Amino acid sequence: MSEAIILTEAAALQIKDMMKANGEEGAYFRFSINGGGCSGLSYGMSLDQEKADTDTYLEQHGIGIVIDKDSAPIVAGTVIDYKQSLMGGGFTIDNPNALVSCGCGTSFRTATVTGTPENC
């Protein structure tokens, strides 16, 4: 199986810093899809102490990554990066399955999953 997502080294370093700052070094990085957002679906990222038996599990750059079974096919091939600029930093998500993305970069829809758009 190819990786469901690809976490860049820059993103992994930022996640490790967040884990340390929150006292959650042993946590999993959970990447998920939620309904809502301007285009109908939005990305979710959180730290989670547990993984479900139905979660897809990967490990990259020393980080355990969990993706729920419903989100996994929607995010297959997605690259998560972290970019730093003069205006600050933030995660970027490049999902090859997204047909339409919102200007904010956190909302999207695919050919088969559209969700219910909300006003941004």
C-alpha atoms as a PDB file:
ATOM      1  CA  MET A   1       0.000   0.000   0.000  1.00  0.00           C
ATOM      2  CA  SER A   2       1.324   3.464  -0.833  1.00  0.00           C
ATOM      3  CA  GLU A   3       1.302   6.021   1.953  1.00  0.00           C
ATOM      4  CA  ALA A   4      -2.094   7.539   2.621  1.00  0.00           C
ATOM      5  CA  ILE A   5      -0.368  10.879   3.260  1.00  0.00           C
ATOM      6  CA  ILE A   6       3.149  12.255   3.071  1.00  0.00           C
ATOM      7  CA  LEU A   7       4.406  14.354   5.944  1.00  0.00           C
ATOM      8  CA  THR A   8       7.393  16.532   5.037  1.00  0.00           C
ATOM      9  CA  GLU A   9      10.305  16.896   7.400  1.00  0.00           C
ATOM     10  CA  ALA A  10       9.374  20.560   8.037  1.00  0.00           C
ATOM     11  CA  ALA A  11       5.822  19.550   9.014  1.00  0.00           C
ATOM     12  CA  ALA A  12       7.133  16.744  11.228  1.00  0.00           C
ATOM     13  CA  LEU A  13       9.462  19.128  13.072  1.00  0.00           C
ATOM     14  CA  GLN A  14       6.582  21.540  13.691  1.00  0.00           C
ATOM     15  CA  ILE A  15       4.335  18.726  14.947  1.00  0.00           C
ATOM     16  CA  LYS A  16       7.092  17.505  17.284  1.00  0.00           C
ATOM     17  CA  ASP A  17       7.491  21.064  18.620  1.00  0.00           C
ATOM     18  CA  MET A  18       3.725  21.261  19.202  1.00  0.00           C
ATOM     19  CA  MET A  19       3.732  17.889  20.975  1.00  0.00           C
ATOM     20  CA  LYS A  20       6.553  19.015  23.241  1.00  0.00           C
ATOM     21  CA  ALA A  21       4.924  22.399  23.968  1.00  0.00           C
ATOM     22  CA  ASN A  22       1.683  20.620  24.940  1.00  0.00           C
ATOM     23  CA  GLY A  23       3.382  17.860  26.937  1.00  0.00           C
ATOM     24  CA  GLU A  24       2.098  15.232  24.487  1.00  0.00           C
ATOM     25  CA  GLU A  25       5.313  13.755  23.069  1.00  0.00           C
ATOM     26  CA  GLY A  26       3.788  10.244  22.871  1.00  0.00           C
ATOM     27  CA  ALA A  27       0.621  11.347  21.077  1.00  0.00           C
ATOM     28  CA  TYR A  28      -0.474  10.424  17.574  1.00  0.00           C
ATOM     29  CA  PHE A  29      -0.930  13.046  14.882  1.00  0.00           C
ATOM     30  CA  ARG A  30      -4.524  12.658  13.695  1.00  0.00           C
ATOM     31  CA  PHE A  31      -5.395  13.888  10.197  1.00  0.00           C
ATOM     32  CA  SER A  32      -9.079  13.869   9.300  1.00  0.00           C
ATOM     33  CA  ILE A  33     -11.792  15.231   7.055  1.00  0.00           C
ATOM     34  CA  ASN A  34     -14.821  17.004   8.474  1.00  0.00           C
ATOM     35  CA  GLY A  35     -17.982  18.295   6.846  1.00  0.00           C
ATOM     36  CA  GLY A  36     -18.255  22.043   6.390  1.00  0.00           C
ATOM     37  CA  GLY A  37     -16.064  24.846   5.175  1.00  0.00           C
ATOM     38  CA  CYS A  38     -16.615  27.027   2.119  1.00  0.00           C
ATOM     39  CA  SER A  39     -16.298  24.129  -0.327  1.00  0.00           C
ATOM     40  CA  GLY A  40     -18.059  21.444   1.726  1.00  0.00           C
ATOM     41  CA  LEU A  41     -15.194  19.577   3.407  1.00  0.00           C
ATOM     42  CA  SER A  42     -12.428  20.748   5.721  1.00  0.00           C
ATOM     43  CA  TYR A  43      -9.224  19.264   7.076  1.00  0.00           C
ATOM     44  CA  GLY A  44      -8.725  18.480  10.731  1.00  0.00           C
ATOM     45  CA  MET A  45      -5.397  18.054  12.504  1.00  0.00           C
ATOM     46  CA  SER A  46      -5.050  17.199  16.159  1.00  0.00           C
ATOM     47  CA  LEU A  47      -2.994  15.303  18.689  1.00  0.00           C
ATOM     48  CA  ASP A  48      -4.643  12.121  19.925  1.00  0.00           C
ATOM     49  CA  GLN A  49      -3.618   9.747  22.694  1.00  0.00           C
ATOM     50  CA  GLU A  50      -5.472   6.798  21.179  1.00  0.00           C
ATOM     51  CA  LYS A  51      -5.969   5.140  17.820  1.00  0.00           C
ATOM     52  CA  ALA A  52      -8.967   3.052  16.796  1.00  0.00           C
ATOM     53  CA  ASP A  53      -8.645  -0.451  15.350  1.00  0.00           C
ATOM     54  CA  THR A  54     -10.188   0.885  12.137  1.00  0.00           C
ATOM     55  CA  ASP A  55      -7.696   3.769  11.779  1.00  0.00           C
ATOM     56  CA  THR A  56      -5.038   3.729   9.089  1.00  0.00           C
ATOM     57  CA  TYR A  57      -1.701   3.963  10.888  1.00  0.00           C
ATOM     58  CA  LEU A  58       1.589   5.225   9.438  1.00  0.00           C
ATOM     59  CA  GLU A  59       4.834   6.385  10.906  1.00  0.00           C
ATOM     60  CA  GLN A  60       6.910   9.082   9.264  1.00  0.00           C
ATOM     61  CA  HIS A  61       9.849  11.060  10.679  1.00  0.00           C
ATOM     62  CA  GLY A  62       9.252   9.445  14.083  1.00  0.00           C
ATOM     63  CA  ILE A  63       5.598  10.544  14.271  1.00  0.00           C
ATOM     64  CA  GLY A  64       2.707   8.101  14.521  1.00  0.00           C
ATOM     65  CA  ILE A  65      -0.019   9.254  12.131  1.00  0.00           C
ATOM     66  CA  VAL A  66      -3.630   8.079  12.350  1.00  0.00           C
ATOM     67  CA  ILE A  67      -6.381   8.607   9.792  1.00  0.00           C
ATOM     68  CA  ASP A  68      -9.948   7.396  10.317  1.00  0.00           C
ATOM     69  CA  LYS A  69     -11.297   4.870   7.817  1.00  0.00           C
ATOM     70  CA  ASP A  70     -13.718   7.339   6.202  1.00  0.00           C
ATOM     71  CA  SER A  71     -11.062  10.034   5.672  1.00  0.00           C
ATOM     72  CA  ALA A  72      -8.287   7.740   4.390  1.00  0.00           C
ATOM     73  CA  PRO A  73      -9.505   7.371   0.786  1.00  0.00           C
ATOM     74  CA  ILE A  74     -10.224  11.105   0.506  1.00  0.00           C
ATOM     75  CA  VAL A  75      -6.712  12.092   1.585  1.00  0.00           C
ATOM     76  CA  ALA A  76      -4.736   9.377  -0.241  1.00  0.00           C
ATOM     77  CA  GLY A  77      -1.588  10.943  -1.677  1.00  0.00           C
ATOM     78  CA  THR A  78      -1.919  14.201   0.273  1.00  0.00           C
ATOM     79  CA  VAL A  79       1.283  16.054   1.159  1.00  0.00           C
ATOM     80  CA  ILE A  80       1.328  17.999   4.440  1.00  0.00           C
ATOM     81  CA  ASP A  81       4.083  20.595   4.672  1.00  0.00           C
ATOM     82  CA  TYR A  82       4.929  23.507   6.958  1.00  0.00           C
ATOM     83  CA  LYS A  83       5.974  26.832   5.453  1.00  0.00           C
ATOM     84  CA  GLN A  84       7.572  29.700   7.349  1.00  0.00           C
ATOM     85  CA  SER A  85       7.455  33.260   5.995  1.00  0.00           C
ATOM     86  CA  LEU A  86       7.811  36.827   7.229  1.00  0.00           C
ATOM     87  CA  MET A  87       4.074  36.817   7.932  1.00  0.00           C
ATOM     88  CA  GLY A  88       4.339  33.720  10.143  1.00  0.00           C
ATOM     89  CA  GLY A  89       4.080  30.033   9.504  1.00  0.00           C
ATOM     90  CA  GLY A  90       1.439  27.485   8.774  1.00  0.00           C
ATOM     91  CA  PHE A  91       0.687  24.039   7.459  1.00  0.00           C
ATOM     92  CA  THR A  92      -0.023  23.602   3.763  1.00  0.00           C
ATOM     93  CA  ILE A  93      -2.040  20.705   2.403  1.00  0.00           C
ATOM     94  CA  ASP A  94      -1.748  19.493  -1.167  1.00  0.00           C
ATOM     95  CA  ASN A  95      -4.487  16.927  -1.782  1.00  0.00           C
ATOM     96  CA  PRO A  96      -4.460  15.482  -5.311  1.00  0.00           C
ATOM     97  CA  ASN A  97      -8.084  14.369  -4.832  1.00  0.00           C
ATOM     98  CA  ALA A  98      -9.386  17.914  -4.279  1.00  0.00           C
ATOM     99  CA  LEU A  99     -11.148  19.298  -7.356  1.00  0.00           C
ATOM    100  CA  VAL A 100     -12.193  22.604  -5.805  1.00  0.00           C
ATOM    101  CA  SER A 101     -10.459  24.384  -2.940  1.00  0.00           C
ATOM    102  CA  CYS A 102     -11.421  27.472  -1.000  1.00  0.00           C
ATOM    103  CA  GLY A 103      -9.140  30.494  -0.996  1.00  0.00           C
ATOM    104  CA  CYS A 104      -8.243  29.783   2.631  1.00  0.00           C
ATOM    105  CA  GLY A 105      -6.761  26.430   1.603  1.00  0.00           C
ATOM    106  CA  THR A 106      -8.514  24.444   4.309  1.00  0.00           C
ATOM    107  CA  SER A 107     -11.790  23.683   2.551  1.00  0.00           C
ATOM    108  CA  PHE A 108     -12.278  21.498  -0.518  1.00  0.00           C
ATOM    109  CA  ARG A 109     -14.402  18.915  -2.292  1.00  0.00           C
ATOM    110  CA  THR A 110     -13.612  15.878  -4.406  1.00  0.00           C
ATOM    111  CA  ALA A 111     -15.311  14.299  -7.411  1.00  0.00           C
ATOM    112  CA  THR A 112     -17.191  11.864  -5.172  1.00  0.00           C
ATOM    113  CA  VAL A 113     -17.404  13.617  -1.791  1.00  0.00           C
ATOM    114  CA  THR A 114     -18.778  17.162  -1.667  1.00  0.00           C
ATOM    115  CA  GLY A 115     -19.990  17.713   1.898  1.00  0.00           C
ATOM    116  CA  THR A 116     -22.240  20.651   2.768  1.00  0.00           C
ATOM    117  CA  PRO A 117     -20.682  24.067   2.123  1.00  0.00           C
ATOM    118  CA  GLU A 118     -20.906  26.734   4.816  1.00  0.00           C
ATOM    119  CA  ASN A 119     -20.383  30.484   4.582  1.00  0.00           C
ATOM    120  CA  CYS A 120     -16.801  31.437   5.432  1.00  0.00           C
END
